[in-house]
Amino acid sequence: MNILQPDKIKIEKGVKGSLVLTGADGKKYQRVNFILLFPFTDTENYISAVIKTGTEYTEIGIIEHLKELPVKIREMVKEDLRLRYFVPEIKDIKYISTKYWFHEFDVITDRGEKKFYLRNVREGVRFKTDNSIVITDMEKNRYKITDYKRLSVKARAELDRILL
């Protein structure tokens, strides 16, 4: 495990807006992304810096604590994490219609109204242990329902109709 020392690395925006990390040895890594390590709920500690080649990720190293980074660099890493883990929260379900084996969802999220399509309920809907649900649509966008039990009766009925 390679720990990235905050005082020995440099992170800056590249020409096209991607992040460039310069390691302690002076080596530059282009198009760097940051991913959360376990537990995923901890967004401040143990952040992995990776580069993607094809479908494979190669780890450059791990930032132990974001708070140890200079403010400007810390904000760049946090923004990269926000973009990677962006998941709108479904607040209400207006309707779910089924046509030709596709489910059309018309929902209200914390980011506004949204329509999306789901082909396979078994693959696209994940139940979590805390009454939350994550839905992945046909375009691989994710949406979360924080607490299924807190949805309106009508919204739960719409969801139950396709899930049960």
C-alpha atoms as a PDB file:
ATOM      1  CA  MET A   1       0.000   0.000   0.000  1.00  0.00           C
ATOM      2  CA  ASN A   2       1.469   3.325  -1.105  1.00  0.00           C
ATOM      3  CA  ILE A   3       0.500   6.182   1.222  1.00  0.00           C
ATOM      4  CA  LEU A   4       0.572   9.561  -0.521  1.00  0.00           C
ATOM      5  CA  GLN A   5       2.173  12.141   1.766  1.00  0.00           C
ATOM      6  CA  PRO A   6       0.205  15.425   1.584  1.00  0.00           C
ATOM      7  CA  ASP A   7       3.344  17.577   1.654  1.00  0.00           C
ATOM      8  CA  LYS A   8       5.036  15.569  -1.121  1.00  0.00           C
ATOM      9  CA  ILE A   9       2.321  15.379  -3.781  1.00  0.00           C
ATOM     10  CA  LYS A  10       0.812  17.954  -6.072  1.00  0.00           C
ATOM     11  CA  ILE A  11      -2.628  17.804  -7.679  1.00  0.00           C
ATOM     12  CA  GLU A  12      -3.692  20.256 -10.356  1.00  0.00           C
ATOM     13  CA  LYS A  13      -6.179  20.552 -13.192  1.00  0.00           C
ATOM     14  CA  GLY A  14      -4.891  19.427 -16.576  1.00  0.00           C
ATOM     15  CA  VAL A  15      -5.565  21.061 -19.935  1.00  0.00           C
ATOM     16  CA  LYS A  16      -9.013  19.478 -20.395  1.00  0.00           C
ATOM     17  CA  GLY A  17     -10.058  19.755 -16.755  1.00  0.00           C
ATOM     18  CA  SER A  18      -8.928  16.308 -15.650  1.00  0.00           C
ATOM     19  CA  LEU A  19      -6.764  16.011 -12.567  1.00  0.00           C
ATOM     20  CA  VAL A  20      -3.013  15.501 -12.759  1.00  0.00           C
ATOM     21  CA  LEU A  21      -1.158  14.099  -9.756  1.00  0.00           C
ATOM     22  CA  THR A  22       2.576  14.574  -9.346  1.00  0.00           C
ATOM     23  CA  GLY A  23       4.033  12.042  -6.926  1.00  0.00           C
ATOM     24  CA  ALA A  24       6.882  12.469  -4.443  1.00  0.00           C
ATOM     25  CA  ASP A  25       9.255  11.060  -7.089  1.00  0.00           C
ATOM     26  CA  GLY A  26       8.202  13.736  -9.612  1.00  0.00           C
ATOM     27  CA  LYS A  27       6.277  11.291 -11.811  1.00  0.00           C
ATOM     28  CA  LYS A  28       3.100  12.790 -13.322  1.00  0.00           C
ATOM     29  CA  TYR A  29      -0.118  10.803 -13.582  1.00  0.00           C
ATOM     30  CA  GLN A  30      -2.714  12.109 -16.039  1.00  0.00           C
ATOM     31  CA  ARG A  31      -6.519  11.781 -15.709  1.00  0.00           C
ATOM     32  CA  VAL A  32      -6.456  10.780 -12.046  1.00  0.00           C
ATOM     33  CA  ASN A  33      -9.687   9.821 -10.295  1.00  0.00           C
ATOM     34  CA  PHE A  34     -10.384   9.352  -6.625  1.00  0.00           C
ATOM     35  CA  ILE A  35     -12.445   6.550  -5.123  1.00  0.00           C
ATOM     36  CA  LEU A  36     -13.673   5.858  -1.620  1.00  0.00           C
ATOM     37  CA  LEU A  37     -12.284   2.882   0.234  1.00  0.00           C
ATOM     38  CA  PHE A  38     -14.255   0.924   2.806  1.00  0.00           C
ATOM     39  CA  PRO A  39     -16.421   2.139   4.470  1.00  0.00           C
ATOM     40  CA  PHE A  40     -17.996   4.075   1.613  1.00  0.00           C
ATOM     41  CA  THR A  41     -19.690   6.425   4.046  1.00  0.00           C
ATOM     42  CA  ASP A  42     -16.325   7.837   5.149  1.00  0.00           C
ATOM     43  CA  THR A  43     -15.622  10.560   2.601  1.00  0.00           C
ATOM     44  CA  GLU A  44     -12.760  12.155   4.538  1.00  0.00           C
ATOM     45  CA  ASN A  45     -10.323   9.301   5.124  1.00  0.00           C
ATOM     46  CA  TYR A  46      -8.538   6.690   3.044  1.00  0.00           C
ATOM     47  CA  ILE A  47      -9.181   7.934  -0.475  1.00  0.00           C
ATOM     48  CA  SER A  48      -7.565   6.002  -3.311  1.00  0.00           C
ATOM     49  CA  ALA A  49      -5.992   7.877  -6.236  1.00  0.00           C
ATOM     50  CA  VAL A  50      -6.335   5.780  -9.394  1.00  0.00           C
ATOM     51  CA  ILE A  51      -5.866   5.924 -13.144  1.00  0.00           C
ATOM     52  CA  LYS A  52      -8.024   3.953 -15.541  1.00  0.00           C
ATOM     53  CA  THR A  53      -6.580   2.054 -18.479  1.00  0.00           C
ATOM     54  CA  GLY A  54      -9.315   0.445 -20.539  1.00  0.00           C
ATOM     55  CA  THR A  55     -11.547  -1.249 -17.985  1.00  0.00           C
ATOM     56  CA  GLU A  56      -8.830  -1.657 -15.348  1.00  0.00           C
ATOM     57  CA  TYR A  57      -7.965   0.716 -12.507  1.00  0.00           C
ATOM     58  CA  THR A  58      -4.396   1.072 -11.277  1.00  0.00           C
ATOM     59  CA  GLU A  59      -3.892   2.539  -7.836  1.00  0.00           C
ATOM     60  CA  ILE A  60      -1.307   5.286  -7.521  1.00  0.00           C
ATOM     61  CA  GLY A  61      -1.669   5.521  -3.772  1.00  0.00           C
ATOM     62  CA  ILE A  62      -3.897   6.358  -0.842  1.00  0.00           C
ATOM     63  CA  ILE A  63      -4.548   9.692   0.824  1.00  0.00           C
ATOM     64  CA  GLU A  64      -5.026   8.845   4.492  1.00  0.00           C
ATOM     65  CA  HIS A  65      -6.791  12.031   5.604  1.00  0.00           C
ATOM     66  CA  LEU A  66      -8.186  14.705   3.282  1.00  0.00           C
ATOM     67  CA  LYS A  67      -7.908  17.342   6.021  1.00  0.00           C
ATOM     68  CA  GLU A  68      -4.105  17.121   5.749  1.00  0.00           C
ATOM     69  CA  LEU A  69      -4.156  18.338   2.128  1.00  0.00           C
ATOM     70  CA  PRO A  70      -3.926  22.034   1.255  1.00  0.00           C
ATOM     71  CA  VAL A  71      -7.421  23.554   0.893  1.00  0.00           C
ATOM     72  CA  LYS A  72      -7.240  24.001  -2.908  1.00  0.00           C
ATOM     73  CA  ILE A  73      -6.167  20.384  -3.491  1.00  0.00           C
ATOM     74  CA  ARG A  74      -8.671  19.077  -0.932  1.00  0.00           C
ATOM     75  CA  GLU A  75     -11.512  20.858  -2.783  1.00  0.00           C
ATOM     76  CA  MET A  76     -10.430  19.342  -6.128  1.00  0.00           C
ATOM     77  CA  VAL A  77     -10.450  15.839  -4.621  1.00  0.00           C
ATOM     78  CA  LYS A  78     -13.846  16.434  -2.968  1.00  0.00           C
ATOM     79  CA  GLU A  79     -15.325  17.696  -6.253  1.00  0.00           C
ATOM     80  CA  ASP A  80     -14.049  14.601  -8.067  1.00  0.00           C
ATOM     81  CA  LEU A  81     -15.671  12.413  -5.397  1.00  0.00           C
ATOM     82  CA  ARG A  82     -18.951  14.385  -5.614  1.00  0.00           C
ATOM     83  CA  LEU A  83     -19.094  13.818  -9.367  1.00  0.00           C
ATOM     84  CA  ARG A  84     -18.247  10.115  -9.098  1.00  0.00           C
ATOM     85  CA  TYR A  85     -20.732   9.363  -6.346  1.00  0.00           C
ATOM     86  CA  PHE A  86     -23.555  11.663  -7.483  1.00  0.00           C
ATOM     87  CA  VAL A  87     -26.832   9.842  -6.838  1.00  0.00           C
ATOM     88  CA  PRO A  88     -30.105  11.816  -6.897  1.00  0.00           C
ATOM     89  CA  GLU A  89     -32.541  10.902  -4.136  1.00  0.00           C
ATOM     90  CA  ILE A  90     -36.081   9.946  -5.167  1.00  0.00           C
ATOM     91  CA  LYS A  91     -38.519  11.859  -2.954  1.00  0.00           C
ATOM     92  CA  ASP A  92     -41.749  10.771  -4.678  1.00  0.00           C
ATOM     93  CA  ILE A  93     -42.922   8.535  -7.521  1.00  0.00           C
ATOM     94  CA  LYS A  94     -45.563  10.094  -9.773  1.00  0.00           C
ATOM     95  CA  TYR A  95     -46.069   6.901 -11.763  1.00  0.00           C
ATOM     96  CA  ILE A  96     -44.389   3.823 -13.180  1.00  0.00           C
ATOM     97  CA  SER A  97     -45.747   2.545 -16.474  1.00  0.00           C
ATOM     98  CA  THR A  98     -44.824  -0.705 -18.190  1.00  0.00           C
ATOM     99  CA  LYS A  99     -44.655  -0.948 -21.976  1.00  0.00           C
ATOM    100  CA  TYR A 100     -42.983  -3.702 -23.979  1.00  0.00           C
ATOM    101  CA  TRP A 101     -41.040  -5.009 -20.962  1.00  0.00           C
ATOM    102  CA  PHE A 102     -39.705  -1.546 -20.110  1.00  0.00           C
ATOM    103  CA  HIS A 103     -40.648   0.335 -16.966  1.00  0.00           C
ATOM    104  CA  GLU A 104     -40.893   4.105 -17.321  1.00  0.00           C
ATOM    105  CA  PHE A 105     -40.389   5.923 -14.022  1.00  0.00           C
ATOM    106  CA  ASP A 106     -41.653   9.474 -13.574  1.00  0.00           C
ATOM    107  CA  VAL A 107     -40.197  10.635 -10.275  1.00  0.00           C
ATOM    108  CA  ILE A 108     -39.429  13.702  -8.234  1.00  0.00           C
ATOM    109  CA  THR A 109     -35.856  13.772  -6.945  1.00  0.00           C
ATOM    110  CA  ASP A 110     -33.957  16.190  -4.751  1.00  0.00           C
ATOM    111  CA  ARG A 111     -32.706  17.604  -8.087  1.00  0.00           C
ATOM    112  CA  GLY A 112     -36.136  18.009  -9.708  1.00  0.00           C
ATOM    113  CA  GLU A 113     -38.443  15.901 -11.881  1.00  0.00           C
ATOM    114  CA  LYS A 114     -36.934  13.060 -13.869  1.00  0.00           C
ATOM    115  CA  LYS A 115     -38.094  10.323 -16.219  1.00  0.00           C
ATOM    116  CA  PHE A 116     -35.962   7.246 -16.664  1.00  0.00           C
ATOM    117  CA  TYR A 117     -36.323   3.708 -17.954  1.00  0.00           C
ATOM    118  CA  LEU A 118     -35.618   0.351 -16.387  1.00  0.00           C
ATOM    119  CA  ARG A 119     -35.477  -2.858 -18.385  1.00  0.00           C
ATOM    120  CA  ASN A 120     -34.889  -5.543 -15.792  1.00  0.00           C
ATOM    121  CA  VAL A 121     -36.146  -5.005 -12.247  1.00  0.00           C
ATOM    122  CA  ARG A 122     -34.045  -7.848 -10.837  1.00  0.00           C
ATOM    123  CA  GLU A 123     -30.826  -6.301 -12.141  1.00  0.00           C
ATOM    124  CA  GLY A 124     -31.739  -2.637 -11.743  1.00  0.00           C
ATOM    125  CA  VAL A 125     -33.150  -2.551  -8.219  1.00  0.00           C
ATOM    126  CA  ARG A 126     -31.013  -3.223  -5.141  1.00  0.00           C
ATOM    127  CA  PHE A 127     -32.478  -3.411  -1.664  1.00  0.00           C
ATOM    128  CA  LYS A 128     -30.219  -2.398   1.203  1.00  0.00           C
ATOM    129  CA  THR A 129     -30.562  -3.526   4.819  1.00  0.00           C
ATOM    130  CA  ASP A 130     -31.614  -0.082   6.090  1.00  0.00           C
ATOM    131  CA  ASN A 131     -34.868   0.190   4.044  1.00  0.00           C
ATOM    132  CA  SER A 132     -33.031   2.033   1.286  1.00  0.00           C
ATOM    133  CA  ILE A 133     -33.194   1.119  -2.390  1.00  0.00           C
ATOM    134  CA  VAL A 134     -30.783   1.916  -5.213  1.00  0.00           C
ATOM    135  CA  ILE A 135     -32.196   1.901  -8.746  1.00  0.00           C
ATOM    136  CA  THR A 136     -29.900   1.794 -11.778  1.00  0.00           C
ATOM    137  CA  ASP A 137     -31.576   2.820 -15.028  1.00  0.00           C
ATOM    138  CA  MET A 138     -30.833   1.657 -18.585  1.00  0.00           C
ATOM    139  CA  GLU A 139     -28.186   4.383 -18.995  1.00  0.00           C
ATOM    140  CA  LYS A 140     -26.408   3.263 -15.794  1.00  0.00           C
ATOM    141  CA  ASN A 141     -27.548   6.337 -13.829  1.00  0.00           C
ATOM    142  CA  ARG A 142     -28.251   5.589 -10.188  1.00  0.00           C
ATOM    143  CA  TYR A 143     -31.064   6.879  -7.999  1.00  0.00           C
ATOM    144  CA  LYS A 144     -31.620   6.188  -4.332  1.00  0.00           C
ATOM    145  CA  ILE A 145     -34.648   5.931  -2.126  1.00  0.00           C
ATOM    146  CA  THR A 146     -33.287   6.626   1.338  1.00  0.00           C
ATOM    147  CA  ASP A 147     -36.169   5.023   3.218  1.00  0.00           C
ATOM    148  CA  TYR A 148     -38.774   3.006   1.335  1.00  0.00           C
ATOM    149  CA  LYS A 149     -41.151   3.189   4.307  1.00  0.00           C
ATOM    150  CA  ARG A 150     -41.179   7.002   4.191  1.00  0.00           C
ATOM    151  CA  LEU A 151     -42.504   7.142   0.625  1.00  0.00           C
ATOM    152  CA  SER A 152     -46.157   8.067   0.206  1.00  0.00           C
ATOM    153  CA  VAL A 153     -48.692   5.221   0.098  1.00  0.00           C
ATOM    154  CA  LYS A 154     -49.256   5.920  -3.626  1.00  0.00           C
ATOM    155  CA  ALA A 155     -45.501   5.855  -4.374  1.00  0.00           C
ATOM    156  CA  ARG A 156     -45.038   2.571  -2.484  1.00  0.00           C
ATOM    157  CA  ALA A 157     -48.001   1.077  -4.357  1.00  0.00           C
ATOM    158  CA  GLU A 158     -46.446   2.072  -7.712  1.00  0.00           C
ATOM    159  CA  LEU A 159     -43.130   0.511  -6.727  1.00  0.00           C
ATOM    160  CA  ASP A 160     -44.692  -2.624  -5.235  1.00  0.00           C
ATOM    161  CA  ARG A 161     -46.629  -3.213  -8.458  1.00  0.00           C
ATOM    162  CA  ILE A 162     -43.408  -3.892 -10.398  1.00  0.00           C
ATOM    163  CA  LEU A 163     -41.371  -5.390  -7.568  1.00  0.00           C
ATOM    164  CA  LEU A 164     -43.800  -7.982  -6.258  1.00  0.00           C
END
